[in-house]
Amino acid sequence: MKMVKMSLIAVMALGSSVFAVDNVKMNGDAKLWYQTSEFSGPAAGTGAGSQSEQTFFNKDANSVAEVKLSVGATADLMKNLSVGVKGTALSTLGLENNLVGAIPAAKFDNSGASVATQLDDQSWVEEAYLAYTMDKTTAKVGRQALNTPLAFSEDWNIVSNTFEAAVLLNNDLPNTTLVGAWVGKHNGVGLLAPAGRNSTVAHGGKFSTFGTDGAYAFAAVNSSLPNTTVQVWYYNVPSIADAYWLQADTKIMDTINVGVQYAGMIPKLSQGTVVAAGYPAGAENLDAVKKDSNVLAIKAAMDLSGFNVYAAYSTVSSGTLGFSNVATGDKSSVYTSLGSVYMDGEIAAAPDTDAWKVGASTKLIPGVVLSTSYASAKTGANTDALAAVARASTLNTDFTAWDVVAKTKAGPVDLTAIYTQFDKNVKATDTTDKTTDTFRVIAALKF
C-alpha cells in the first residue's frame, strides 16, 4: 500500500503524544476469498475457450480469488467529536498464475468498463469521517459505510463499497430515529453501469459522483409498537428517480417474525442518463423509459425445535427501474433477495418479476451454523418499458436457485463455505439457458 494512503492511519496511531487525541482504537481485518464455478448450456462442448461450458478449479475466469487487508482506527479529538479512518489493500498474491483467472471485486472502472490491470495490487482509503454528537443528534460527515434500503454498503464480497456523505441522526422524538442524508460520491459500480455488477467496488476504489448530481435521503424509523419496527424512506436522485420505501417488521409470541415491504420508483431520467445507458438522445422523453415501478414483499419466519424456518414472496411491477442497491445494481433489501448468491437484486428485485423463497438455519451442531434456501423467480417481458437504466429483463424467463451455507471458526479465523446451484430457462429460446454450480469459501480474521 502506498505510504500516502496509509498516512492517515499512521497519524492516528501516534495518539495523544502529538495531537492530544483520546481513546484511540485500532481495528482491522484480513480476508481470503475464493470461488469456482462449473456451468453448461445447450452449446456445451463446442470447442476450446467456449463460454457455454466450464469446469471447477481451472484457471479461467470462472475461478476467482483475492486477498484483502484493512487497517483502521477511531479516536476522540475532543468532547463529542470523533474521527475514523480505514485503509484497504487488495492483492491476488500471484494466485492468477496457479489457481484462478479473475478477481471478485474492483475489476471495472466507474463507467463499468473492464480494466486491463485488474489483477494488479490495489489500495485506497475506504473510510475517513468526522462524527459529532450533541444531546440526541449525531452528524457524520465524510467517507463512510451506509445502510439504507435502496443505497447501502455490501459486505458479501471481499471488500465493501462506501460513500462520501453527510448523515444526520436525531432521536428527540420518543422511540423514533429521524434520518437525513446527502450522498455526493461513492465507489460502487451499479445503476448507470450495469456491466460492472457483481464487482461491488470500482477499480482502485475510485470514487465518482453518485448518479449524476448526488442524492438525498430522508427517513423515520419508529419502534413505538411492542416488538415492531416501522420504516419510512424517501429518496431523491436528480436526473434518475424519486423513490420511497415503506417497511414494517414485528415479532409475535417471541417465536414468529413477520414483515411487509412496499416501495416505488418514479423515473426522472435526464438525457445524459439515458445516453449513458446506451439509448439515443431524446429517448428520455419516451414513456417506455420513464415508466414507474413498485414492489410488494412479505415474509414470515419461525423458531422451531432448534431451527429457524422462513418463507418470503415478492412481486415487482413492470417499469424502467428495479429495486436493487442503486450503488451497485446487485444485492437488494427485498425479502426474497436477502442472503442469496444469484437470486439477488438483479433477478428477484427486477421489474416484472414474481419471486418466492423458503429457507432454514440451525445451530444444533456445536460451533457450526448451517443454512439452506430455495428460491424461484419468473420474469416477464416488462411490457411497455425498456431496460433504460436497470438492465431489466425483456424476456419471459424462469430462474431457480438453492444455496447451502456452513459457517464455523478455526481458532480466531471465521470460515464460510457456500455451495449453490442456479438455473436459467428462457421461454422463447434455449440459446442462453444455463445451469451453474458454484463453490465459494471465505476465511476472515478480525483484529
Foldseek 3Di string as FASTA:
>chain_A
DDPVQCVVVVVLVVECVPQNWPDKDKWKKKKKKKKAKWKAFPCPPVDPPDPRTDDTFDLEARIAIKMKIKMKMKIHNDPQKIKIWMKMKMAPVPCSVPTYHYHQAQQAAQLLHGDPVLRHMAMHIQWIWMWGDDDFKIKIFAKAFDDDFQAGWDDPGNDTKIFGKIKMWGDPDPQKIKIKMWTFKIFAHAQLHPNNFSRRGHHNNDIDGQQPGTKIKIKMWGDPDPQKIWIWMWMDDPQFWTKIKTKMWGDDPNFKIKMKIKMKIFTNHDQVSLVSLPDHRPCSPACQQGFMKMKIKMKMWGDDPQKIKMKMKMFMAQDQDWRAHRRRLWAGPGPLAPPDDHCGCLFCGAHQKIKMKIKMWGCPPPQKIKMKMKMKMWHELSPSHDNSGSPGHRFTKIKIKMKIKMWGDDVQKIKIKMWMWMWIDTPVDRPPTMIMIMIMMMIMGMD
